[in-house]
């Protein structure tokens, strides 16, 4: 058995910037020596980061710090919902300086804006909402907001920006996940203003009574025929805008950064972006949201869902800290494990227009090397197991984006399915449970939260209830490894290479026993630590 494992990710830090710069040079040398002694294995994993030019203006040492840590690509903030916050000439000056260092440089645009501050622009130097000649969006209740809606001239101005970047030789552009038509996760999106109402009703031949039917369906989250048409109408708008930008810049690879569980109800028809670069949706941007086991499994659930739609080499993470100093180095490093499990090849750090603390890099540099090494061993493999990860049409069109995800931490392998499986146990969200209640599924056993559906077995989404349920199914598991201990742990199983990835989501050191057939293997993992067990 081979085990690749990392160190304690909860080590505290309290260095000044000058002391950190000195220590980072020592750390880089130590790790360079350690890895030089090992056989080199090409890893598919890349590390990238997004900076506003203003960050680099104010922190001239930062590029060298991230380059020394192993970052290979810098994404520069470009066109933001009607503005160039930094003039395009200045963006290109930084592009040229970055490329002279041997790094790649690309651009992130935010086409539509966000209903609120998603950038952390505390000094007011960065505009947070579109200009006044852009129209506000209208919610179903009649209230208005700025951002995440499509009116003229949003697409036209974004097309012009893409043309300018194309003329400057930019090769890749990501559209930030504010490129959506919903205010946030769980919202049924689209703008309900008079102009969009008129366009929708004329397109479908609807009357005022049917418009009221639509509003009622949105309020009650009912996947009625007219609501399905509305969601498709919204998706058509966003896809058309994306394709217009794509066509305007034929030499640029355009990517879409989708929000947490982003899908059709947010105007994001994921199949429309399967050939584009895709940045998978995450949400747990601070310690408070990421620290609970449920926060980690929710985030893993979203990433696994989005990976259904994009090849691993074109998948990028959304490894974000926001506010910039509210996600610890330990938790940021732990997020890297999610991308390894899901075979997301490109890690992209982001923290608005303020960099996260320089001292994070001392923790990240070792975690990045570890995850690159682990990723090299499992790249191209697909997790398999009896527990099924399923996010269905009802969740994607009308659901509240509260997945039944905690089963991922039961220490039993899982796999991702886009339709109800032919075996094992499939855990359903409330929306999917209601939708599938009368579906005959002879292959898989459906489970949901109690009360979500009358004809489907209910299990509370708590570790206590899930481990009690697990006791009844463990005797039936055949040819599948699992963790014997009843404590939270993620066990991803890659049978074709006889390897399991074990991740301890707890902030304490834990001992685990992995059983496979008649044999047991013991492993000790520090806080938030992960490891590979091979030759199973």
Protein backbone atom coordinates (compact mmCIF):
# COMPACT_ATOMS: atom_id res chain seq x y z
CA UNK A 1 0.00 0.00 0.00
CA UNK A 2 1.20 3.48 -0.86
CA UNK A 3 -0.05 6.49 1.08
CA UNK A 4 0.35 10.10 -0.03
CA UNK A 5 -0.66 12.45 2.73
CA UNK A 6 -0.27 16.03 3.86
CA UNK A 7 0.54 17.91 7.05
CA UNK A 8 -1.60 19.63 9.63
CA UNK A 9 -3.45 22.40 7.79
CA UNK A 10 -4.44 24.25 10.94
CA UNK A 11 -0.96 25.54 11.80
CA UNK A 12 -1.31 29.17 13.00
CA UNK A 13 0.56 32.07 11.46
CA UNK A 14 1.28 35.61 12.60
CA UNK A 15 3.98 37.04 10.35
CA UNK A 16 4.56 40.53 9.06
CA UNK A 17 4.80 40.96 5.31
CA UNK A 18 8.60 41.44 5.49
CA UNK A 19 9.03 38.34 7.64
CA UNK A 20 6.77 36.37 5.32
CA UNK A 21 8.84 37.31 2.27
CA UNK A 22 11.96 36.09 4.03
CA UNK A 23 10.35 32.87 5.22
CA UNK A 24 8.68 32.14 1.85
CA UNK A 25 12.08 32.02 0.19
CA UNK A 26 13.19 29.44 2.74
CA UNK A 27 9.97 27.44 2.34
CA UNK A 28 10.32 27.38 -1.45
CA UNK A 29 13.87 26.11 -1.15
CA UNK A 30 12.90 23.43 1.35
CA UNK A 31 10.07 22.10 -0.84
CA UNK A 32 12.15 22.29 -3.98
CA UNK A 33 14.78 20.11 -2.30
CA UNK A 34 12.23 17.67 -0.94
CA UNK A 35 10.54 17.12 -4.25
CA UNK A 36 13.77 16.99 -6.23
CA UNK A 37 14.63 13.83 -4.32
CA UNK A 38 11.45 12.10 -5.50
CA UNK A 39 10.70 10.75 -8.99
CA UNK A 40 8.86 13.45 -10.88
CA UNK A 41 5.35 12.64 -12.04
CA UNK A 42 3.72 15.04 -14.47
CA UNK A 43 0.64 16.49 -12.82
CA UNK A 44 -2.31 17.84 -14.77
CA UNK A 45 -3.06 20.31 -11.97
CA UNK A 46 -2.48 24.02 -12.55
CA UNK A 47 -2.74 26.90 -10.09
CA UNK A 48 -4.04 30.28 -11.18
CA UNK A 49 -5.18 33.51 -9.52
CA UNK A 50 -7.30 36.54 -10.37
CA UNK A 51 -6.06 40.06 -9.60
CA UNK A 52 -7.43 43.49 -10.34
CA UNK A 53 -4.62 45.65 -11.76
CA UNK A 54 -5.05 47.87 -8.70
CA UNK A 55 -3.97 44.97 -6.48
CA UNK A 56 -0.72 44.64 -8.43
CA UNK A 57 -0.21 48.41 -8.46
CA UNK A 58 -0.35 48.44 -4.67
CA UNK A 59 1.52 45.19 -4.04
CA UNK A 60 4.55 45.01 -6.36
CA UNK A 61 5.95 41.89 -4.63
CA UNK A 62 2.80 39.85 -5.12
CA UNK A 63 3.53 38.45 -8.58
CA UNK A 64 6.83 36.99 -7.46
CA UNK A 65 5.25 35.55 -4.32
CA UNK A 66 2.54 33.69 -6.25
CA UNK A 67 4.99 32.58 -8.96
CA UNK A 68 7.31 31.13 -6.31
CA UNK A 69 4.32 29.33 -4.76
CA UNK A 70 3.55 27.55 -8.05
CA UNK A 71 0.94 29.80 -9.67
CA UNK A 72 1.32 29.68 -13.45
CA UNK A 73 -1.49 31.94 -14.70
CA UNK A 74 -2.75 35.39 -13.72
CA UNK A 75 -6.28 36.48 -14.61
CA UNK A 76 -6.59 40.27 -14.78
CA UNK A 77 -9.83 42.11 -14.07
CA UNK A 78 -10.99 43.66 -17.33
CA UNK A 79 -14.42 44.99 -18.36
CA UNK A 80 -16.96 45.22 -15.53
CA UNK A 81 -20.66 45.86 -16.36
CA UNK A 82 -20.17 49.01 -18.41
CA UNK A 83 -16.77 50.13 -17.08
CA UNK A 84 -13.06 49.57 -17.48
CA UNK A 85 -12.16 50.13 -13.79
CA UNK A 86 -8.55 50.06 -14.91
CA UNK A 87 -8.03 51.45 -18.44
CA UNK A 88 -7.50 48.69 -20.98
CA UNK A 89 -4.02 50.04 -21.71
CA UNK A 90 -3.10 49.54 -18.07
CA UNK A 91 -4.57 46.02 -18.07
CA UNK A 92 -2.40 45.21 -21.10
CA UNK A 93 0.68 46.72 -19.44
CA UNK A 94 0.26 44.23 -16.62
CA UNK A 95 -0.43 41.45 -19.14
CA UNK A 96 2.93 42.18 -20.79
CA UNK A 97 4.80 42.33 -17.48
CA UNK A 98 3.29 39.02 -16.37
CA UNK A 99 4.21 37.30 -19.63
CA UNK A 100 7.79 38.58 -19.37
CA UNK A 101 8.00 36.71 -16.06
CA UNK A 102 7.13 33.49 -17.90
CA UNK A 103 3.57 33.34 -16.60
CA UNK A 104 0.38 33.21 -18.64
CA UNK A 105 -1.96 36.21 -18.48
CA UNK A 106 -5.67 36.27 -19.33
CA UNK A 107 -8.70 38.44 -18.51
CA UNK A 108 -11.84 38.14 -16.36
CA UNK A 109 -14.87 40.23 -17.38
CA UNK A 110 -17.98 40.71 -15.26
CA UNK A 111 -20.64 41.34 -17.91
CA UNK A 112 -23.79 42.11 -15.89
CA UNK A 113 -22.87 43.01 -12.34
CA UNK A 114 -24.08 41.75 -8.99
CA UNK A 115 -27.01 42.84 -6.76
CA UNK A 116 -24.65 44.06 -4.04
CA UNK A 117 -20.96 44.24 -3.24
CA UNK A 118 -19.29 41.04 -4.42
CA UNK A 119 -15.87 42.69 -4.74
CA UNK A 120 -15.04 44.11 -1.33
CA UNK A 121 -14.34 47.58 -2.72
CA UNK A 122 -14.16 49.21 0.69
CA UNK A 123 -12.50 52.45 -0.44
CA UNK A 124 -15.13 53.19 -3.10
CA UNK A 125 -12.58 53.21 -5.92
CA UNK A 126 -14.24 50.35 -7.79
CA UNK A 127 -17.78 50.78 -9.21
CA UNK A 128 -20.22 48.25 -7.77
CA UNK A 129 -23.24 48.65 -10.05
CA UNK A 130 -23.77 49.29 -13.77
CA UNK A 131 -23.95 52.85 -15.13
CA UNK A 132 -27.23 54.75 -15.07
CA UNK A 133 -28.01 54.13 -18.75
CA UNK A 134 -28.29 50.39 -17.98
CA UNK A 135 -31.80 49.37 -16.89
CA UNK A 136 -32.65 47.93 -13.49
CA UNK A 137 -34.11 44.44 -13.16
CA UNK A 138 -37.56 43.72 -11.77
CA UNK A 139 -38.39 40.90 -9.36
CA UNK A 140 -41.78 39.14 -9.49
CA UNK A 141 -42.86 41.14 -6.43
CA UNK A 142 -42.24 44.45 -8.24
CA UNK A 143 -39.02 45.45 -6.45
CA UNK A 144 -35.96 46.43 -8.48
CA UNK A 145 -32.27 45.67 -8.30
CA UNK A 146 -29.09 46.28 -10.31
CA UNK A 147 -27.15 43.50 -11.98
CA UNK A 148 -27.78 39.95 -13.23
CA UNK A 149 -30.28 41.01 -15.88
CA UNK A 150 -30.08 41.53 -19.62
CA UNK A 151 -31.33 44.71 -21.24
CA UNK A 152 -29.90 46.81 -24.01
CA UNK A 153 -27.11 47.90 -24.16
CA UNK A 154 -25.46 45.25 -21.90
CA UNK A 155 -24.67 42.73 -24.63
CA UNK A 156 -23.66 45.43 -27.08
CA UNK A 157 -21.16 46.99 -24.67
CA UNK A 158 -19.76 43.60 -23.70
CA UNK A 159 -19.35 42.71 -27.36
CA UNK A 160 -17.36 45.89 -27.88
CA UNK A 161 -15.14 45.05 -24.90
CA UNK A 162 -14.50 41.57 -26.32
CA UNK A 163 -13.56 43.09 -29.67
CA UNK A 164 -11.05 45.37 -27.94
CA UNK A 165 -9.50 42.47 -26.05
CA UNK A 166 -9.39 40.40 -29.23
CA UNK A 167 -7.56 43.22 -30.99
CA UNK A 168 -5.00 43.32 -28.15
CA UNK A 169 -4.16 39.64 -28.58
CA UNK A 170 -5.86 38.31 -25.43
CA UNK A 171 -6.30 34.55 -25.74
CA UNK A 172 -8.70 33.64 -22.93
CA UNK A 173 -11.52 35.47 -21.15
CA UNK A 174 -13.71 34.23 -18.34
CA UNK A 175 -17.13 35.75 -17.70
CA UNK A 176 -17.51 35.95 -13.95
CA UNK A 177 -20.45 34.17 -12.36
CA UNK A 178 -22.35 37.42 -12.12
CA UNK A 179 -23.06 36.40 -15.72
CA UNK A 180 -26.37 34.88 -14.76
CA UNK A 181 -30.02 35.94 -14.66
CA UNK A 182 -30.80 35.16 -11.03
CA UNK A 183 -30.00 37.22 -7.98
CA UNK A 184 -28.38 34.27 -6.22
CA UNK A 185 -28.50 30.52 -5.63
CA UNK A 186 -31.96 29.03 -5.25
CA UNK A 187 -33.68 31.91 -7.05
CA UNK A 188 -35.85 31.36 -10.12
CA UNK A 189 -34.38 34.04 -12.31
CA UNK A 190 -35.29 36.26 -15.20
CA UNK A 191 -36.34 39.88 -15.30
CA UNK A 192 -40.11 40.41 -14.93
CA UNK A 193 -40.15 43.96 -16.30
CA UNK A 194 -42.69 45.12 -18.89
CA UNK A 195 -40.24 44.71 -21.78
CA UNK A 196 -39.39 41.10 -20.94
CA UNK A 197 -43.03 40.33 -20.13
CA UNK A 198 -44.09 41.64 -23.55
CA UNK A 199 -41.38 39.66 -25.36
CA UNK A 200 -42.25 36.46 -23.49
CA UNK A 201 -45.99 36.75 -24.00
CA UNK A 202 -45.69 37.53 -27.71
CA UNK A 203 -43.29 34.66 -28.23
CA UNK A 204 -45.62 32.13 -26.59
CA UNK A 205 -48.96 33.70 -27.42
CA UNK A 206 -49.83 34.08 -23.73
CA UNK A 207 -52.44 36.33 -22.11
CA UNK A 208 -52.52 38.20 -18.80
CA UNK A 209 -54.16 35.28 -17.03
CA UNK A 210 -51.32 32.99 -18.07
CA UNK A 211 -48.77 35.60 -16.95
CA UNK A 212 -50.36 35.48 -13.49
CA UNK A 213 -50.16 31.69 -13.66
CA UNK A 214 -46.42 32.05 -14.29
CA UNK A 215 -45.97 34.37 -11.29
CA UNK A 216 -47.86 31.90 -9.09
CA UNK A 217 -45.65 29.04 -10.32
CA UNK A 218 -42.51 31.04 -9.52
CA UNK A 219 -43.82 31.81 -6.03
CA UNK A 220 -44.71 28.17 -5.31
CA UNK A 221 -41.75 26.66 -7.20
CA UNK A 222 -44.08 24.59 -9.37
CA UNK A 223 -42.53 23.15 -12.53
CA UNK A 224 -45.60 23.88 -14.65
CA UNK A 225 -45.50 24.00 -18.46
CA UNK A 226 -45.46 27.80 -18.52
CA UNK A 227 -42.68 28.00 -15.93
CA UNK A 228 -40.61 25.57 -17.98
CA UNK A 229 -41.06 27.84 -21.01
CA UNK A 230 -40.06 30.88 -18.91
CA UNK A 231 -36.87 29.24 -17.71
CA UNK A 232 -35.98 28.18 -21.26
CA UNK A 233 -36.73 31.74 -22.44
CA UNK A 234 -34.35 33.08 -19.79
CA UNK A 235 -31.65 30.58 -20.78
CA UNK A 236 -32.03 31.57 -24.43
CA UNK A 237 -31.29 35.20 -23.51
CA UNK A 238 -28.11 34.41 -21.59
CA UNK A 239 -26.82 31.92 -24.16
CA UNK A 240 -27.44 34.40 -26.98
CA UNK A 241 -25.44 37.04 -25.11
CA UNK A 242 -22.58 34.60 -24.51
CA UNK A 243 -22.53 33.57 -28.16
CA UNK A 244 -22.57 37.18 -29.32
CA UNK A 245 -19.47 37.86 -27.23
CA UNK A 246 -17.88 34.66 -28.50
CA UNK A 247 -18.53 35.58 -32.13
CA UNK A 248 -17.12 39.08 -31.61
CA UNK A 249 -13.74 37.68 -30.51
CA UNK A 250 -12.87 34.72 -32.73
CA UNK A 251 -9.33 34.41 -31.35
CA UNK A 252 -10.42 34.24 -27.71
CA UNK A 253 -11.48 31.15 -25.79
CA UNK A 254 -14.47 32.31 -23.77
CA UNK A 255 -15.40 30.70 -20.48
CA UNK A 256 -18.35 30.91 -18.10
CA UNK A 257 -17.90 30.96 -14.34
CA UNK A 258 -21.14 29.49 -12.97
CA UNK A 259 -22.36 30.13 -9.47
CA UNK A 260 -23.02 27.54 -6.75
CA UNK A 261 -25.33 24.91 -8.25
CA UNK A 262 -25.88 27.31 -11.16
CA UNK A 263 -28.30 25.82 -13.67
CA UNK A 264 -31.36 26.56 -15.78
CA UNK A 265 -33.36 28.51 -13.18
CA UNK A 266 -30.50 31.04 -13.17
CA UNK A 267 -30.52 31.26 -16.97
CA UNK A 268 -27.54 28.90 -17.21
CA UNK A 269 -28.31 26.01 -19.57
CA UNK A 270 -25.16 24.10 -18.75
CA UNK A 271 -25.22 21.98 -21.91
CA UNK A 272 -24.74 25.21 -23.90
CA UNK A 273 -21.30 25.63 -22.32
CA UNK A 274 -20.01 22.06 -22.56
CA UNK A 275 -17.39 23.06 -25.14
CA UNK A 276 -16.38 26.25 -23.33
CA UNK A 277 -14.10 26.77 -20.38
CA UNK A 278 -16.24 26.25 -17.28
CA UNK A 279 -15.54 27.46 -13.78
CA UNK A 280 -17.51 25.24 -11.41
CA UNK A 281 -19.73 26.85 -8.80
CA UNK A 282 -18.73 27.08 -5.14
CA UNK A 283 -20.20 29.08 -2.27
CA UNK A 284 -18.41 28.56 1.04
CA UNK A 285 -16.15 31.60 0.89
CA UNK A 286 -15.48 32.12 4.60
CA UNK A 287 -14.66 30.00 7.63
CA UNK A 288 -18.16 30.20 9.06
CA UNK A 289 -19.73 28.61 5.96
CA UNK A 290 -16.94 26.17 5.06
CA UNK A 291 -16.07 24.85 8.53
CA UNK A 292 -19.18 22.68 9.09
CA UNK A 293 -19.06 19.24 7.50
CA UNK A 294 -22.30 20.11 5.70
CA UNK A 295 -20.60 23.22 4.22
CA UNK A 296 -17.88 21.01 2.77
CA UNK A 297 -20.27 18.41 1.39
CA UNK A 298 -22.54 21.07 -0.14
CA UNK A 299 -19.56 22.56 -1.95
CA UNK A 300 -18.32 19.15 -3.10
CA UNK A 301 -21.85 18.37 -4.29
CA UNK A 302 -21.97 21.51 -6.46
CA UNK A 303 -18.57 20.84 -8.02
CA UNK A 304 -19.43 17.21 -8.80
CA UNK A 305 -22.70 18.35 -10.41
CA UNK A 306 -21.00 20.86 -12.70
CA UNK A 307 -18.31 18.37 -13.68
CA UNK A 308 -21.04 16.42 -15.48
CA UNK A 309 -20.93 19.09 -18.19
CA UNK A 310 -17.26 19.77 -18.85
CA UNK A 311 -14.07 17.84 -19.53
CA UNK A 312 -11.63 17.89 -16.60
CA UNK A 313 -8.92 19.82 -18.45
CA UNK A 314 -11.42 22.60 -19.22
CA UNK A 315 -12.78 22.71 -15.66
CA UNK A 316 -11.65 25.49 -13.31
CA UNK A 317 -12.36 25.90 -9.62
CA UNK A 318 -13.84 28.94 -7.91
CA UNK A 319 -11.48 28.87 -4.94
CA UNK A 320 -12.64 32.15 -3.44
CA UNK A 321 -12.12 33.95 -0.14
CA UNK A 322 -14.70 36.65 0.55
CA UNK A 323 -14.31 38.91 2.36
CA UNK A 324 -10.68 38.44 1.52
CA UNK A 325 -9.48 37.83 5.09
CA UNK A 326 -12.40 35.66 6.29
CA UNK A 327 -11.28 32.31 4.85
CA UNK A 328 -8.30 30.90 6.74
CA UNK A 329 -5.26 29.50 4.99
CA UNK A 330 -6.16 26.05 6.36
CA UNK A 331 -9.64 26.11 4.87
CA UNK A 332 -8.42 27.52 1.57
CA UNK A 333 -5.91 24.67 1.39
CA UNK A 334 -8.65 22.17 2.28
CA UNK A 335 -10.73 23.40 -0.66
CA UNK A 336 -8.01 22.10 -2.99
CA UNK A 337 -9.04 18.56 -2.06
CA UNK A 338 -12.49 19.10 -3.60
CA UNK A 339 -10.94 19.80 -6.99
CA UNK A 340 -8.75 16.70 -6.68
CA UNK A 341 -11.72 14.45 -5.89
CA UNK A 342 -13.75 15.87 -8.79
CA UNK A 343 -10.79 15.97 -11.24
CA UNK A 344 -11.03 19.73 -11.73
CA UNK A 345 -7.64 20.36 -13.32
CA UNK A 346 -7.32 24.12 -12.80
CA UNK A 347 -7.44 25.80 -9.40
CA UNK A 348 -8.29 29.51 -9.61
CA UNK A 349 -7.94 31.69 -6.52
CA UNK A 350 -10.02 34.84 -6.15
CA UNK A 351 -10.76 37.36 -3.38
CA UNK A 352 -12.46 40.39 -4.94
CA UNK A 353 -10.37 43.53 -5.31
CA UNK A 354 -8.39 42.88 -2.10
CA UNK A 355 -5.78 40.11 -1.94
CA UNK A 356 -6.12 37.50 0.77
CA UNK A 357 -3.37 37.69 3.42
CA UNK A 358 0.16 37.14 2.07
CA UNK A 359 0.78 34.73 4.94
CA UNK A 360 -1.68 32.25 3.40
CA UNK A 361 0.97 31.29 0.86
CA UNK A 362 3.14 29.57 3.47
CA UNK A 363 0.32 27.06 4.02
CA UNK A 364 -0.78 26.94 0.39
CA UNK A 365 2.62 26.19 -1.15
CA UNK A 366 2.86 22.76 0.52
CA UNK A 367 -0.85 21.98 0.02
CA UNK A 368 -0.60 22.83 -3.70
CA UNK A 369 2.34 20.45 -4.15
CA UNK A 370 0.56 17.71 -2.26
CA UNK A 371 -2.68 18.02 -4.24
CA UNK A 372 -0.77 18.16 -7.54
CA UNK A 373 0.93 14.91 -6.58
CA UNK A 374 -2.34 13.24 -5.57
CA UNK A 375 -4.09 14.56 -8.65
CA UNK A 376 -1.44 13.02 -10.92
CA UNK A 377 -2.30 9.62 -9.47
CA UNK A 378 -6.08 9.79 -10.06
CA UNK A 379 -6.46 12.11 -13.08
CA UNK A 380 -8.94 10.77 -15.61
CA UNK A 381 -10.55 8.42 -13.10
CA UNK A 382 -14.23 8.54 -12.15
CA UNK A 383 -15.44 8.05 -8.57
CA UNK A 384 -17.60 4.94 -8.23
CA UNK A 385 -19.75 3.70 -5.40
CA UNK A 386 -23.16 2.58 -4.18
CA UNK A 387 -24.28 6.04 -2.94
CA UNK A 388 -25.55 8.15 -5.82
CA UNK A 389 -25.08 11.89 -6.28
CA UNK A 390 -28.09 13.08 -8.31
CA UNK A 391 -29.25 16.62 -9.06
CA UNK A 392 -32.28 16.37 -11.31
CA UNK A 393 -34.45 18.54 -13.51
CA UNK A 394 -36.71 19.73 -10.70
CA UNK A 395 -33.71 20.92 -8.65
CA UNK A 396 -32.27 22.64 -11.69
CA UNK A 397 -35.51 24.40 -12.71
CA UNK A 398 -37.33 25.19 -9.45
CA UNK A 399 -35.34 23.85 -6.50
CA UNK A 400 -34.06 25.89 -3.56
CA UNK A 401 -30.41 24.77 -4.03
CA UNK A 402 -30.32 22.92 -0.71
CA UNK A 403 -28.94 19.54 -1.72
CA UNK A 404 -29.09 16.38 0.37
CA UNK A 405 -25.30 16.23 0.45
CA UNK A 406 -24.26 15.00 3.89
CA UNK A 407 -24.29 11.37 2.71
CA UNK A 408 -20.96 12.20 1.01
CA UNK A 409 -19.37 12.24 4.50
CA UNK A 410 -20.51 8.75 5.55
CA UNK A 411 -17.23 7.09 4.51
CA UNK A 412 -18.94 5.09 1.76
CA UNK A 413 -17.95 5.61 -1.90
CA UNK A 414 -20.26 7.55 -4.18
CA UNK A 415 -20.73 8.28 -7.86
CA UNK A 416 -22.38 10.97 -9.96
CA UNK A 417 -25.44 10.18 -12.08
CA UNK A 418 -27.48 12.40 -14.39
CA UNK A 419 -30.52 10.08 -14.31
CA UNK A 420 -31.78 7.78 -11.54
CA UNK A 421 -29.29 4.93 -11.31
CA UNK A 422 -29.73 1.20 -11.84
CA UNK A 423 -28.30 0.24 -8.45
CA UNK A 424 -27.37 1.50 -5.01
CA UNK A 425 -29.05 4.31 -3.12
CA UNK A 426 -29.92 7.74 -4.56
CA UNK A 427 -30.27 10.73 -2.22
CA UNK A 428 -32.72 13.36 -3.42
CA UNK A 429 -33.32 17.03 -2.76
CA UNK A 430 -36.83 18.01 -1.75
CA UNK A 431 -37.68 19.23 -5.26
CA UNK A 432 -36.41 16.05 -6.91
CA UNK A 433 -38.17 13.86 -4.34
CA UNK A 434 -41.49 15.54 -5.10
CA UNK A 435 -40.86 15.21 -8.83
CA UNK A 436 -39.84 11.52 -8.69
CA UNK A 437 -42.32 10.38 -6.05
CA UNK A 438 -44.39 8.38 -8.53
CA UNK A 439 -41.43 7.20 -10.65
CA UNK A 440 -40.78 3.48 -10.76
CA UNK A 441 -37.07 2.94 -10.09
CA UNK A 442 -36.46 -0.81 -9.84
CA UNK A 443 -32.68 -0.36 -9.89
CA UNK A 444 -31.92 2.22 -7.19
CA UNK A 445 -33.43 2.88 -3.80
CA UNK A 446 -34.59 6.50 -3.47
CA UNK A 447 -34.12 8.41 -0.22
CA UNK A 448 -35.04 11.94 0.80
CA UNK A 449 -35.59 14.09 3.85
CA UNK A 450 -38.68 13.09 5.89
CA UNK A 451 -41.83 14.67 4.54
CA UNK A 452 -40.37 15.68 1.18
CA UNK A 453 -42.30 12.87 -0.53
CA UNK A 454 -44.80 10.39 0.87
CA UNK A 455 -43.75 7.37 -1.18
CA UNK A 456 -39.98 7.70 -0.73
CA UNK A 457 -38.11 6.58 2.37
CA UNK A 458 -37.24 9.51 4.60
CA UNK A 459 -33.89 9.94 6.36
CA UNK A 460 -32.93 13.00 8.40
CA UNK A 461 -29.92 14.79 6.98
CA UNK A 462 -27.90 14.48 10.17
CA UNK A 463 -24.79 12.41 10.77
CA UNK A 464 -26.52 10.53 13.58
CA UNK A 465 -29.46 9.51 11.39
CA UNK A 466 -27.31 8.72 8.37
CA UNK A 467 -24.94 6.47 10.32
CA UNK A 468 -27.92 4.67 11.83
CA UNK A 469 -29.24 4.11 8.29
CA UNK A 470 -25.76 3.01 7.14
CA UNK A 471 -25.65 0.18 9.68
CA UNK A 472 -28.47 -1.50 7.81
CA UNK A 473 -26.79 -1.38 4.39
CA UNK A 474 -23.13 -2.14 5.19
CA UNK A 475 -23.68 -5.93 5.22
CA UNK A 476 -24.91 -5.76 1.62
CA UNK A 477 -21.88 -3.89 0.24
CA UNK A 478 -19.76 -6.11 -2.01
CA UNK A 479 -16.40 -5.27 -3.59
CA UNK A 480 -16.55 -1.75 -2.17
CA UNK A 481 -14.19 -0.25 0.42
CA UNK A 482 -15.68 1.82 3.22
CA UNK A 483 -14.61 3.48 6.47
CA UNK A 484 -15.73 1.41 9.44
CA UNK A 485 -15.75 4.30 11.92
CA UNK A 486 -18.95 6.27 12.47
CA UNK A 487 -17.45 9.73 12.10
CA UNK A 488 -17.51 12.16 9.16
CA UNK A 489 -15.08 11.30 6.40
CA UNK A 490 -15.16 11.46 2.59
CA UNK A 491 -14.12 8.28 0.77
CA UNK A 492 -13.83 8.56 -3.02
CA UNK A 493 -13.19 5.20 -4.73
CA UNK A 494 -11.43 4.80 -8.09
CA UNK A 495 -11.75 1.04 -8.73
CA UNK A 496 -9.90 0.84 -12.06
CA UNK A 497 -6.68 1.92 -10.31
CA UNK A 498 -7.53 0.29 -6.94
CA UNK A 499 -7.20 3.61 -5.14
CA UNK A 500 -9.25 5.47 -2.55
CA UNK A 501 -8.96 9.14 -1.60
CA UNK A 502 -9.75 9.69 2.08
CA UNK A 503 -10.45 13.22 3.34
CA UNK A 504 -10.88 14.14 6.99
CA UNK A 505 -13.28 17.15 7.08
CA UNK A 506 -12.85 17.64 10.83
CA UNK A 507 -10.65 20.22 12.52
CA UNK A 508 -9.16 17.51 14.73
CA UNK A 509 -6.78 14.62 14.22
CA UNK A 510 -8.70 11.42 13.51
CA UNK A 511 -7.97 7.69 13.13
CA UNK A 512 -9.87 5.73 10.50
CA UNK A 513 -10.09 2.07 9.51
CA UNK A 514 -10.85 1.30 5.88
CA UNK A 515 -12.37 -2.12 5.29
CA UNK A 516 -12.22 -3.79 1.90
CA UNK A 517 -13.35 -7.38 1.77
CA UNK A 518 -11.64 -9.27 4.61
CA UNK A 519 -8.83 -6.77 5.11
CA UNK A 520 -8.62 -3.56 7.12
CA UNK A 521 -6.22 -0.65 6.66
CA UNK A 522 -5.68 1.96 9.33
CA UNK A 523 -4.92 5.59 8.57
CA UNK A 524 -4.44 8.66 10.74
CA UNK A 525 -5.27 12.05 9.26
CA UNK A 526 -4.62 15.45 10.75
CA UNK A 527 -7.17 18.27 10.67
CA UNK A 528 -8.60 18.70 7.14
CA UNK A 529 -5.98 16.32 5.79
CA UNK A 530 -6.41 14.00 2.79
CA UNK A 531 -4.55 10.93 1.58
CA UNK A 532 -4.50 8.32 -1.17
CA UNK A 533 -4.58 4.63 -0.34
CA UNK A 534 -3.41 2.59 -3.31
CA UNK A 535 -3.05 -1.12 -4.17
CA UNK A 536 -6.39 -1.91 -2.52
